[in-house]
């Protein structure tokens, strides 16, 4: 079986979307906090990796931990409004933050590539596999999707996941038994980022 370029491209895009959805499963699925700003978090991570590669000579694999850290910090900032607002108001706020980021990136000039964005330098190899073939890229993205699925499952089954579900079910009751709901809500966003 040799899938065509279009099918592989669709599979890569689907797997990347699934990674984002598994990230959303932590704050929304566990803590009940809906965010519409995940495209912004993807943007923070992607732009960080490309800018570190372009301006600091890092390869993609060296830049990935930094891009994950920047996305987590951005998610923490996205999560801060959840301390004051909730429900659809919070979802709208995160959407607005995502749109503000998009406007900033479009107007960022050469630093962000303006409306055309930035080109990713050649990725090179991962674990000895050349990623210039789309089928190899699919295998890499599928591996990251599996890791994301496993991480979301582990969080859901952990004590931390039960704490987040207690906040989702009844935040006031969770606070009354000593759960620091504010810290856990922001933490859930940072973990998902």
N, C-alpha and C. Protein backbone atom coordinates (compact mmCIF):
# COMPACT_ATOMS: atom_id res chain seq x y z
N UNK A 1 0.86 -1.19 0.00
CA UNK A 1 0.00 0.00 0.00
C UNK A 1 0.89 1.23 0.00
N UNK A 2 0.73 2.06 -1.00
CA UNK A 2 1.52 3.28 -1.12
C UNK A 2 0.56 4.46 -1.24
N UNK A 3 0.26 5.13 -0.11
CA UNK A 3 -0.68 6.25 -0.18
C UNK A 3 -0.09 7.41 -0.97
N UNK A 4 -0.95 8.15 -1.63
CA UNK A 4 -0.51 9.28 -2.42
C UNK A 4 -0.15 10.48 -1.55
N UNK A 5 0.42 11.49 -2.22
CA UNK A 5 0.85 12.70 -1.51
C UNK A 5 -0.32 13.38 -0.81
N UNK A 6 -1.46 13.47 -1.49
CA UNK A 6 -2.62 14.15 -0.93
C UNK A 6 -3.12 13.43 0.32
N UNK A 7 -3.18 12.11 0.29
CA UNK A 7 -3.64 11.35 1.45
C UNK A 7 -2.67 11.49 2.61
N UNK A 8 -1.38 11.46 2.33
CA UNK A 8 -0.38 11.62 3.40
C UNK A 8 -0.43 13.03 3.98
N UNK A 9 -0.58 14.03 3.12
CA UNK A 9 -0.68 15.41 3.59
C UNK A 9 -1.90 15.58 4.49
N UNK A 10 -3.01 15.00 4.10
CA UNK A 10 -4.22 15.04 4.92
C UNK A 10 -4.01 14.32 6.25
N UNK A 11 -3.31 13.19 6.22
CA UNK A 11 -3.04 12.43 7.44
C UNK A 11 -2.14 13.22 8.39
N UNK A 12 -1.14 13.91 7.85
CA UNK A 12 -0.26 14.73 8.70
C UNK A 12 -1.05 15.85 9.35
N UNK A 13 -1.88 16.54 8.57
CA UNK A 13 -2.70 17.62 9.11
C UNK A 13 -3.67 17.10 10.17
N UNK A 14 -4.26 15.94 9.91
CA UNK A 14 -5.18 15.35 10.87
C UNK A 14 -4.47 14.98 12.16
N UNK A 15 -3.28 14.44 12.06
CA UNK A 15 -2.52 14.06 13.26
C UNK A 15 -2.13 15.30 14.06
N UNK A 16 -1.74 16.37 13.39
CA UNK A 16 -1.40 17.61 14.11
C UNK A 16 -2.63 18.15 14.81
N UNK A 17 -3.77 18.12 14.15
CA UNK A 17 -5.02 18.56 14.78
C UNK A 17 -5.36 17.69 15.98
N UNK A 18 -5.12 16.39 15.87
CA UNK A 18 -5.38 15.49 16.99
C UNK A 18 -4.49 15.81 18.19
N UNK A 19 -3.24 16.20 17.92
CA UNK A 19 -2.34 16.59 19.02
C UNK A 19 -2.92 17.79 19.76
N UNK A 20 -3.42 18.77 19.01
CA UNK A 20 -4.04 19.94 19.63
C UNK A 20 -5.28 19.53 20.43
N UNK A 21 -6.07 18.64 19.88
CA UNK A 21 -7.28 18.21 20.58
C UNK A 21 -6.96 17.45 21.87
N UNK A 22 -5.91 16.66 21.86
CA UNK A 22 -5.51 16.00 23.10
C UNK A 22 -5.02 17.02 24.13
N UNK A 23 -4.40 18.11 23.64
CA UNK A 23 -4.04 19.20 24.55
C UNK A 23 -5.28 19.87 25.13
N UNK A 24 -6.30 20.04 24.30
CA UNK A 24 -7.55 20.65 24.77
C UNK A 24 -8.29 19.76 25.76
N UNK A 25 -8.03 18.46 25.70
CA UNK A 25 -8.74 17.52 26.57
C UNK A 25 -8.41 17.75 28.04
N UNK A 26 -7.28 18.36 28.32
CA UNK A 26 -6.91 18.56 29.73
C UNK A 26 -7.72 19.69 30.35
N UNK A 27 -7.67 20.93 29.83
CA UNK A 27 -8.49 21.96 30.49
C UNK A 27 -9.98 21.80 30.26
N UNK A 28 -10.38 21.39 29.06
CA UNK A 28 -11.81 21.29 28.79
C UNK A 28 -12.38 19.97 29.30
N UNK A 29 -11.77 18.88 28.93
CA UNK A 29 -12.29 17.58 29.31
C UNK A 29 -12.17 17.28 30.79
N UNK A 30 -11.09 17.73 31.41
CA UNK A 30 -10.88 17.42 32.82
C UNK A 30 -11.39 18.54 33.73
N UNK A 31 -11.04 19.80 33.41
CA UNK A 31 -11.41 20.91 34.30
C UNK A 31 -12.67 21.64 33.86
N UNK A 32 -13.18 21.37 32.66
CA UNK A 32 -14.39 22.01 32.19
C UNK A 32 -14.23 23.44 31.76
N UNK A 33 -13.02 23.83 31.36
CA UNK A 33 -12.73 25.20 30.95
C UNK A 33 -12.52 25.21 29.43
N UNK A 34 -13.40 25.88 28.70
CA UNK A 34 -13.33 25.89 27.24
C UNK A 34 -12.52 27.07 26.76
N UNK A 35 -11.51 26.78 25.94
CA UNK A 35 -10.69 27.82 25.34
C UNK A 35 -10.80 27.73 23.83
N UNK A 36 -10.84 28.86 23.18
CA UNK A 36 -10.84 28.91 21.72
C UNK A 36 -9.52 29.46 21.20
N UNK A 37 -8.50 29.49 22.04
CA UNK A 37 -7.24 30.10 21.67
C UNK A 37 -6.11 29.14 21.37
N UNK A 38 -6.42 27.89 21.03
CA UNK A 38 -5.35 26.92 20.82
C UNK A 38 -4.56 27.16 19.55
N UNK A 39 -5.16 27.80 18.57
CA UNK A 39 -4.39 28.14 17.37
C UNK A 39 -3.28 29.13 17.75
N UNK A 40 -3.57 30.01 18.68
CA UNK A 40 -2.55 30.94 19.16
C UNK A 40 -1.41 30.22 19.86
N UNK A 41 -1.75 29.21 20.64
CA UNK A 41 -0.70 28.45 21.32
C UNK A 41 0.16 27.69 20.32
N UNK A 42 -0.48 27.14 19.29
CA UNK A 42 0.29 26.50 18.22
C UNK A 42 1.21 27.53 17.55
N UNK A 43 0.69 28.73 17.36
CA UNK A 43 1.50 29.78 16.74
C UNK A 43 2.69 30.16 17.59
N UNK A 44 2.49 30.28 18.90
CA UNK A 44 3.61 30.59 19.79
C UNK A 44 4.70 29.54 19.66
N UNK A 45 4.30 28.28 19.71
CA UNK A 45 5.29 27.20 19.61
C UNK A 45 5.98 27.17 18.26
N UNK A 46 5.21 27.29 17.19
CA UNK A 46 5.77 27.22 15.84
C UNK A 46 6.71 28.39 15.56
N UNK A 47 6.26 29.59 15.87
CA UNK A 47 7.11 30.76 15.61
C UNK A 47 8.36 30.73 16.47
N UNK A 48 8.25 30.26 17.70
CA UNK A 48 9.44 30.16 18.55
C UNK A 48 10.46 29.22 17.93
N UNK A 49 10.01 28.05 17.49
CA UNK A 49 10.93 27.07 16.89
C UNK A 49 11.60 27.64 15.64
N UNK A 50 10.82 28.27 14.77
CA UNK A 50 11.39 28.79 13.53
C UNK A 50 12.33 29.96 13.79
N UNK A 51 11.95 30.86 14.70
CA UNK A 51 12.82 32.01 14.99
C UNK A 51 14.11 31.56 15.65
N UNK A 52 14.04 30.59 16.55
CA UNK A 52 15.27 30.08 17.16
C UNK A 52 16.15 29.40 16.11
N UNK A 53 15.53 28.70 15.16
CA UNK A 53 16.31 28.07 14.10
C UNK A 53 16.93 29.11 13.17
N UNK A 54 16.16 30.12 12.83
CA UNK A 54 16.61 31.13 11.88
C UNK A 54 17.64 32.08 12.48
N UNK A 55 17.36 32.59 13.68
CA UNK A 55 18.20 33.65 14.24
C UNK A 55 19.30 33.15 15.17
N UNK A 56 19.14 31.96 15.73
CA UNK A 56 20.13 31.48 16.69
C UNK A 56 20.82 30.19 16.24
N UNK A 57 20.55 29.76 15.04
CA UNK A 57 21.25 28.62 14.47
C UNK A 57 20.91 27.27 15.08
N UNK A 58 19.84 27.19 15.86
CA UNK A 58 19.45 25.90 16.42
C UNK A 58 18.77 25.06 15.36
N UNK A 59 18.93 23.74 15.48
CA UNK A 59 18.11 22.92 14.60
C UNK A 59 16.75 22.73 15.28
N UNK A 60 15.81 22.16 14.54
CA UNK A 60 14.44 22.06 15.04
C UNK A 60 14.36 21.28 16.35
N UNK A 61 15.17 20.25 16.49
CA UNK A 61 15.11 19.39 17.68
C UNK A 61 15.64 20.11 18.91
N UNK A 62 16.62 21.00 18.72
CA UNK A 62 17.10 21.81 19.85
C UNK A 62 16.09 22.89 20.22
N UNK A 63 15.37 23.40 19.24
CA UNK A 63 14.41 24.47 19.48
C UNK A 63 13.09 23.98 20.07
N UNK A 64 12.77 22.71 19.88
CA UNK A 64 11.47 22.19 20.34
C UNK A 64 11.22 22.36 21.84
N UNK A 65 12.18 22.04 22.71
CA UNK A 65 11.89 22.25 24.14
C UNK A 65 11.61 23.71 24.48
N UNK A 66 12.32 24.63 23.82
CA UNK A 66 12.08 26.05 24.06
C UNK A 66 10.70 26.47 23.54
N UNK A 67 10.32 25.92 22.38
CA UNK A 67 9.01 26.28 21.84
C UNK A 67 7.89 25.71 22.72
N UNK A 68 8.11 24.53 23.31
CA UNK A 68 7.11 23.98 24.24
C UNK A 68 7.02 24.85 25.49
N UNK A 69 8.16 25.32 25.97
CA UNK A 69 8.16 26.19 27.16
C UNK A 69 7.46 27.52 26.88
N UNK A 70 7.72 28.11 25.73
CA UNK A 70 7.06 29.38 25.36
C UNK A 70 5.55 29.17 25.21
N UNK A 71 5.16 28.07 24.58
CA UNK A 71 3.72 27.79 24.43
C UNK A 71 3.07 27.58 25.79
N UNK A 72 3.77 26.90 26.72
CA UNK A 72 3.21 26.69 28.06
C UNK A 72 3.08 28.02 28.81
N UNK A 73 4.08 28.89 28.68
CA UNK A 73 3.98 30.21 29.33
C UNK A 73 2.85 31.03 28.73
N UNK A 74 2.71 30.98 27.40
CA UNK A 74 1.60 31.69 26.76
C UNK A 74 0.27 31.12 27.21
N UNK A 75 0.20 29.80 27.36
CA UNK A 75 -1.04 29.17 27.84
C UNK A 75 -1.35 29.62 29.27
N UNK A 76 -0.32 29.78 30.08
CA UNK A 76 -0.53 30.30 31.43
C UNK A 76 -1.12 31.70 31.41
N UNK A 77 -0.62 32.52 30.48
CA UNK A 77 -1.17 33.88 30.34
C UNK A 77 -2.60 33.83 29.80
N UNK A 78 -2.87 32.89 28.86
CA UNK A 78 -4.23 32.71 28.36
C UNK A 78 -5.14 32.26 29.50
N UNK A 79 -4.61 31.45 30.40
CA UNK A 79 -5.40 30.89 31.49
C UNK A 79 -5.69 31.86 32.61
N UNK A 80 -4.91 32.92 32.73
CA UNK A 80 -5.13 33.88 33.83
C UNK A 80 -6.54 34.47 33.86
N UNK A 81 -7.16 34.77 32.71
CA UNK A 81 -8.54 35.29 32.79
C UNK A 81 -9.52 34.30 33.40
N UNK A 82 -9.18 33.01 33.38
CA UNK A 82 -10.10 32.02 33.95
C UNK A 82 -10.25 32.19 35.46
N UNK A 83 -9.35 32.96 36.06
CA UNK A 83 -9.47 33.21 37.49
C UNK A 83 -10.60 34.19 37.80
N UNK A 84 -10.98 34.99 36.81
CA UNK A 84 -12.01 36.01 37.02
C UNK A 84 -13.33 35.72 36.29
N UNK A 85 -13.23 35.09 35.12
CA UNK A 85 -14.42 34.86 34.32
C UNK A 85 -14.53 33.38 33.97
N UNK A 86 -15.70 32.97 33.54
CA UNK A 86 -15.88 31.56 33.18
C UNK A 86 -16.92 31.45 32.08
N UNK A 87 -17.15 30.22 31.67
CA UNK A 87 -18.17 29.95 30.67
C UNK A 87 -17.85 30.55 29.32
N UNK A 88 -18.91 31.00 28.63
CA UNK A 88 -18.71 31.52 27.28
C UNK A 88 -17.91 32.82 27.28
N UNK A 89 -17.92 33.56 28.39
CA UNK A 89 -17.11 34.79 28.47
C UNK A 89 -15.63 34.44 28.36
N UNK A 90 -15.22 33.37 29.02
CA UNK A 90 -13.82 32.96 28.95
C UNK A 90 -13.47 32.48 27.55
N UNK A 91 -14.36 31.72 26.92
CA UNK A 91 -14.11 31.23 25.56
C UNK A 91 -13.92 32.41 24.60
N UNK A 92 -14.75 33.43 24.74
CA UNK A 92 -14.63 34.60 23.88
C UNK A 92 -13.32 35.34 24.15
N UNK A 93 -12.93 35.44 25.42
CA UNK A 93 -11.68 36.11 25.78
C UNK A 93 -10.48 35.40 25.15
N UNK A 94 -10.45 34.07 25.21
CA UNK A 94 -9.33 33.36 24.61
C UNK A 94 -9.33 33.48 23.09
N UNK A 95 -10.49 33.54 22.49
CA UNK A 95 -10.57 33.76 21.04
C UNK A 95 -10.00 35.13 20.68
N UNK A 96 -10.35 36.14 21.48
CA UNK A 96 -9.84 37.49 21.23
C UNK A 96 -8.32 37.52 21.38
N UNK A 97 -7.78 36.83 22.39
CA UNK A 97 -6.33 36.78 22.54
C UNK A 97 -5.66 36.14 21.33
N UNK A 98 -6.27 35.10 20.80
CA UNK A 98 -5.75 34.43 19.61
C UNK A 98 -5.77 35.38 18.41
N UNK A 99 -6.84 36.12 18.26
CA UNK A 99 -6.94 37.07 17.15
C UNK A 99 -5.93 38.21 17.30
N UNK A 100 -5.71 38.67 18.53
CA UNK A 100 -4.69 39.71 18.75
C UNK A 100 -3.31 39.21 18.37
N UNK A 101 -3.02 37.95 18.68
CA UNK A 101 -1.74 37.37 18.29
C UNK A 101 -1.63 37.32 16.77
N UNK A 102 -2.70 36.92 16.09
CA UNK A 102 -2.69 36.85 14.64
C UNK A 102 -2.40 38.22 14.03
N UNK A 103 -3.05 39.25 14.57
CA UNK A 103 -2.83 40.61 14.07
C UNK A 103 -1.40 41.04 14.32
N UNK A 104 -0.86 40.72 15.49
CA UNK A 104 0.53 41.08 15.81
C UNK A 104 1.50 40.36 14.86
N UNK A 105 1.23 39.10 14.56
CA UNK A 105 2.12 38.35 13.66
C UNK A 105 2.06 38.89 12.24
N UNK A 106 0.86 39.25 11.78
CA UNK A 106 0.72 39.78 10.43
C UNK A 106 1.43 41.12 10.30
N UNK A 107 1.43 41.90 11.37
CA UNK A 107 2.05 43.22 11.34
C UNK A 107 3.46 43.20 11.92
N UNK A 108 4.05 42.04 12.09
CA UNK A 108 5.37 41.91 12.71
C UNK A 108 6.54 42.17 11.79
N UNK A 109 6.28 42.44 10.53
CA UNK A 109 7.36 42.74 9.59
C UNK A 109 8.24 41.53 9.31
N UNK A 110 9.53 41.79 9.12
CA UNK A 110 10.46 40.72 8.77
C UNK A 110 10.64 39.73 9.92
N UNK A 111 10.48 40.19 11.14
CA UNK A 111 10.70 39.29 12.29
C UNK A 111 9.73 38.12 12.27
N UNK A 112 8.46 38.39 11.93
CA UNK A 112 7.46 37.32 11.90
C UNK A 112 7.09 36.89 10.48
N UNK A 113 7.69 37.54 9.49
CA UNK A 113 7.36 37.19 8.11
C UNK A 113 6.09 37.83 7.60
N UNK A 114 5.52 38.74 8.40
CA UNK A 114 4.28 39.46 8.04
C UNK A 114 3.19 38.48 7.62
N UNK A 115 2.45 38.82 6.58
CA UNK A 115 1.29 38.01 6.19
C UNK A 115 1.68 36.67 5.57
N UNK A 116 2.90 36.54 5.06
CA UNK A 116 3.30 35.28 4.44
C UNK A 116 3.88 34.29 5.44
N UNK A 117 4.21 34.74 6.64
CA UNK A 117 4.76 33.85 7.65
C UNK A 117 6.24 33.57 7.45
N UNK A 118 6.74 32.60 8.17
CA UNK A 118 8.15 32.25 8.11
C UNK A 118 8.32 30.89 7.46
N UNK A 119 9.43 30.74 6.75
CA UNK A 119 9.76 29.44 6.16
C UNK A 119 10.60 28.66 7.15
N UNK A 120 10.26 27.40 7.30
CA UNK A 120 11.00 26.52 8.18
C UNK A 120 12.26 26.06 7.48
N UNK A 121 13.40 26.18 8.15
CA UNK A 121 14.62 25.65 7.54
C UNK A 121 14.52 24.12 7.43
N UNK A 122 15.38 23.50 6.64
CA UNK A 122 15.31 22.04 6.52
C UNK A 122 15.35 21.36 7.89
N UNK A 123 14.45 20.40 8.09
CA UNK A 123 14.33 19.74 9.39
C UNK A 123 15.49 18.79 9.63
N UNK A 124 15.98 18.15 8.60
CA UNK A 124 17.09 17.22 8.77
C UNK A 124 16.59 15.83 9.12
N UNK A 125 17.22 15.22 10.09
CA UNK A 125 16.87 13.85 10.46
C UNK A 125 16.38 13.79 11.90
N UNK A 126 15.62 12.75 12.19
CA UNK A 126 15.17 12.47 13.55
C UNK A 126 15.37 10.98 13.78
N UNK A 127 16.16 10.65 14.75
CA UNK A 127 16.44 9.25 15.08
C UNK A 127 16.96 8.49 13.87
N UNK A 128 17.76 9.19 13.05
CA UNK A 128 18.35 8.56 11.88
C UNK A 128 17.44 8.48 10.67
N UNK A 129 16.24 9.04 10.75
CA UNK A 129 15.28 8.98 9.64
C UNK A 129 15.23 10.35 8.97
N UNK A 130 15.42 10.38 7.64
CA UNK A 130 15.35 11.65 6.91
C UNK A 130 13.90 12.08 6.79
N UNK A 131 13.64 13.35 7.11
CA UNK A 131 12.27 13.85 7.12
C UNK A 131 11.93 14.64 5.86
N UNK A 132 12.72 14.47 4.80
CA UNK A 132 12.38 15.16 3.56
C UNK A 132 11.28 14.43 2.79
N UNK A 133 10.98 13.19 3.19
CA UNK A 133 9.87 12.44 2.59
C UNK A 133 8.64 12.61 3.48
N UNK A 134 7.49 12.85 2.87
CA UNK A 134 6.25 13.08 3.61
C UNK A 134 5.84 11.85 4.42
N UNK A 135 6.14 10.66 3.91
CA UNK A 135 5.78 9.45 4.65
C UNK A 135 6.55 9.36 5.97
N UNK A 136 7.80 9.79 5.96
CA UNK A 136 8.58 9.81 7.21
C UNK A 136 8.06 10.87 8.16
N UNK A 137 7.67 12.02 7.61
CA UNK A 137 7.09 13.07 8.44
C UNK A 137 5.81 12.59 9.08
N UNK A 138 5.00 11.85 8.32
CA UNK A 138 3.77 11.29 8.88
C UNK A 138 4.08 10.38 10.06
N UNK A 139 5.07 9.53 9.93
CA UNK A 139 5.42 8.62 11.03
C UNK A 139 5.86 9.39 12.27
N UNK A 140 6.61 10.47 12.06
CA UNK A 140 7.04 11.30 13.19
C UNK A 140 5.85 11.98 13.87
N UNK A 141 4.97 12.57 13.07
CA UNK A 141 3.79 13.24 13.62
C UNK A 141 2.87 12.22 14.30
N UNK A 142 2.74 11.04 13.73
CA UNK A 142 1.92 9.99 14.36
C UNK A 142 2.51 9.58 15.70
N UNK A 143 3.84 9.52 15.79
CA UNK A 143 4.48 9.19 17.07
C UNK A 143 4.18 10.26 18.12
N UNK A 144 4.26 11.54 17.72
CA UNK A 144 3.93 12.62 18.65
C UNK A 144 2.46 12.59 19.03
N UNK A 145 1.60 12.21 18.09
CA UNK A 145 0.18 12.09 18.40
C UNK A 145 -0.04 10.99 19.44
N UNK A 146 0.65 9.88 19.29
CA UNK A 146 0.53 8.79 20.25
C UNK A 146 1.03 9.24 21.63
N UNK A 147 2.13 9.99 21.67
CA UNK A 147 2.64 10.50 22.94
C UNK A 147 1.62 11.44 23.58
N UNK A 148 0.99 12.29 22.77
CA UNK A 148 -0.03 13.21 23.29
C UNK A 148 -1.23 12.45 23.83
N UNK A 149 -1.63 11.40 23.11
CA UNK A 149 -2.75 10.59 23.55
C UNK A 149 -2.42 9.90 24.88
N UNK A 150 -1.22 9.37 24.99
CA UNK A 150 -0.80 8.71 26.22
C UNK A 150 -0.72 9.70 27.38
N UNK A 151 -0.19 10.91 27.11
CA UNK A 151 -0.09 11.93 28.16
C UNK A 151 -1.47 12.35 28.65
N UNK A 152 -2.41 12.56 27.72
CA UNK A 152 -3.78 12.95 28.11
C UNK A 152 -4.43 11.84 28.92
N UNK A 153 -4.20 10.60 28.52
CA UNK A 153 -4.76 9.45 29.26
C UNK A 153 -4.18 9.39 30.68
N UNK A 154 -2.86 9.56 30.79
CA UNK A 154 -2.21 9.51 32.11
C UNK A 154 -2.70 10.63 33.01
N UNK A 155 -2.87 11.84 32.45
CA UNK A 155 -3.39 12.95 33.26
C UNK A 155 -4.81 12.64 33.72
N UNK A 156 -5.63 12.11 32.83
CA UNK A 156 -7.03 11.81 33.18
C UNK A 156 -7.11 10.77 34.28
N UNK A 157 -6.20 9.83 34.33
CA UNK A 157 -6.24 8.75 35.32
C UNK A 157 -5.46 9.07 36.59
N UNK A 158 -4.81 10.21 36.62
CA UNK A 158 -3.97 10.56 37.77
C UNK A 158 -4.75 11.30 38.85
N UNK A 159 -4.09 11.49 39.96
CA UNK A 159 -4.68 12.28 41.05
C UNK A 159 -4.94 13.71 40.58
N UNK A 160 -4.02 14.23 39.79
CA UNK A 160 -4.20 15.58 39.26
C UNK A 160 -5.45 15.66 38.39
N UNK A 161 -5.69 14.64 37.58
CA UNK A 161 -6.90 14.60 36.76
C UNK A 161 -8.16 14.58 37.60
N UNK A 162 -8.14 13.82 38.71
CA UNK A 162 -9.30 13.80 39.60
C UNK A 162 -9.51 15.17 40.24
N UNK A 163 -8.42 15.86 40.56
CA UNK A 163 -8.54 17.21 41.12
C UNK A 163 -9.18 18.15 40.10
N UNK A 164 -8.74 18.06 38.84
CA UNK A 164 -9.33 18.90 37.79
C UNK A 164 -10.80 18.58 37.60
N UNK A 165 -11.16 17.31 37.65
CA UNK A 165 -12.58 16.95 37.50
C UNK A 165 -13.41 17.46 38.67
N UNK A 166 -12.81 17.52 39.87
CA UNK A 166 -13.56 18.07 41.01
C UNK A 166 -13.85 19.55 40.78
N UNK A 167 -12.92 20.26 40.16
CA UNK A 167 -13.14 21.67 39.82
C UNK A 167 -14.23 21.77 38.76
N UNK A 168 -14.21 20.87 37.78
CA UNK A 168 -15.23 20.88 36.73
C UNK A 168 -16.62 20.62 37.29
N UNK A 169 -16.73 19.66 38.19
CA UNK A 169 -18.04 19.27 38.71
C UNK A 169 -18.62 20.28 39.68
N UNK A 170 -17.80 20.81 40.60
CA UNK A 170 -18.30 21.77 41.58
C UNK A 170 -17.11 22.53 42.15
N UNK A 171 -16.80 23.66 41.54
CA UNK A 171 -15.61 24.42 41.94
C UNK A 171 -15.70 24.90 43.37
N UNK A 172 -16.89 25.34 43.80
CA UNK A 172 -17.01 25.83 45.17
C UNK A 172 -16.75 24.72 46.18
N UNK A 173 -17.26 23.53 45.92
CA UNK A 173 -17.02 22.40 46.81
C UNK A 173 -15.54 22.03 46.81
N UNK A 174 -14.92 22.04 45.63
CA UNK A 174 -13.49 21.73 45.56
C UNK A 174 -12.68 22.74 46.38
N UNK A 175 -13.03 24.02 46.29
CA UNK A 175 -12.34 25.04 47.09
C UNK A 175 -12.55 24.80 48.58
N UNK A 176 -13.75 24.37 48.94
CA UNK A 176 -14.06 24.19 50.36
C UNK A 176 -13.28 23.04 51.00
N UNK A 177 -12.81 22.09 50.18
CA UNK A 177 -12.02 21.00 50.74
C UNK A 177 -10.52 21.23 50.55
N UNK A 178 -10.14 22.45 50.16
CA UNK A 178 -8.73 22.83 50.12
C UNK A 178 -8.06 22.78 48.77
N UNK A 179 -8.81 22.60 47.69
CA UNK A 179 -8.22 22.58 46.35
C UNK A 179 -7.98 24.02 45.91
N UNK A 180 -6.76 24.32 45.51
CA UNK A 180 -6.43 25.65 45.00
C UNK A 180 -6.86 25.68 43.52
N UNK A 181 -8.12 26.00 43.30
CA UNK A 181 -8.71 25.94 41.96
C UNK A 181 -8.00 26.89 41.00
N UNK A 182 -7.61 28.07 41.47
CA UNK A 182 -6.95 29.02 40.59
C UNK A 182 -5.65 28.45 40.05
N UNK A 183 -4.83 27.89 40.92
CA UNK A 183 -3.55 27.33 40.50
C UNK A 183 -3.77 26.16 39.54
N UNK A 184 -4.74 25.31 39.84
CA UNK A 184 -4.97 24.14 39.00
C UNK A 184 -5.54 24.51 37.63
N UNK A 185 -6.39 25.54 37.56
CA UNK A 185 -6.93 25.94 36.27
C UNK A 185 -5.83 26.50 35.36
N UNK A 186 -4.99 27.36 35.91
CA UNK A 186 -3.87 27.90 35.11
C UNK A 186 -2.89 26.77 34.78
N UNK A 187 -2.64 25.89 35.74
CA UNK A 187 -1.75 24.76 35.49
C UNK A 187 -2.25 23.84 34.40
N UNK A 188 -3.57 23.64 34.34
CA UNK A 188 -4.16 22.81 33.28
C UNK A 188 -3.91 23.43 31.91
N UNK A 189 -4.02 24.75 31.82
CA UNK A 189 -3.73 25.41 30.54
C UNK A 189 -2.26 25.31 30.18
N UNK A 190 -1.39 25.47 31.17
CA UNK A 190 0.04 25.39 30.86
C UNK A 190 0.41 23.97 30.42
N UNK A 191 -0.14 22.97 31.06
CA UNK A 191 0.13 21.60 30.68
C UNK A 191 -0.40 21.32 29.27
N UNK A 192 -1.57 21.83 28.97
CA UNK A 192 -2.12 21.62 27.63
C UNK A 192 -1.33 22.36 26.56
N UNK A 193 -0.76 23.50 26.92
CA UNK A 193 0.03 24.28 25.95
C UNK A 193 1.28 23.56 25.55
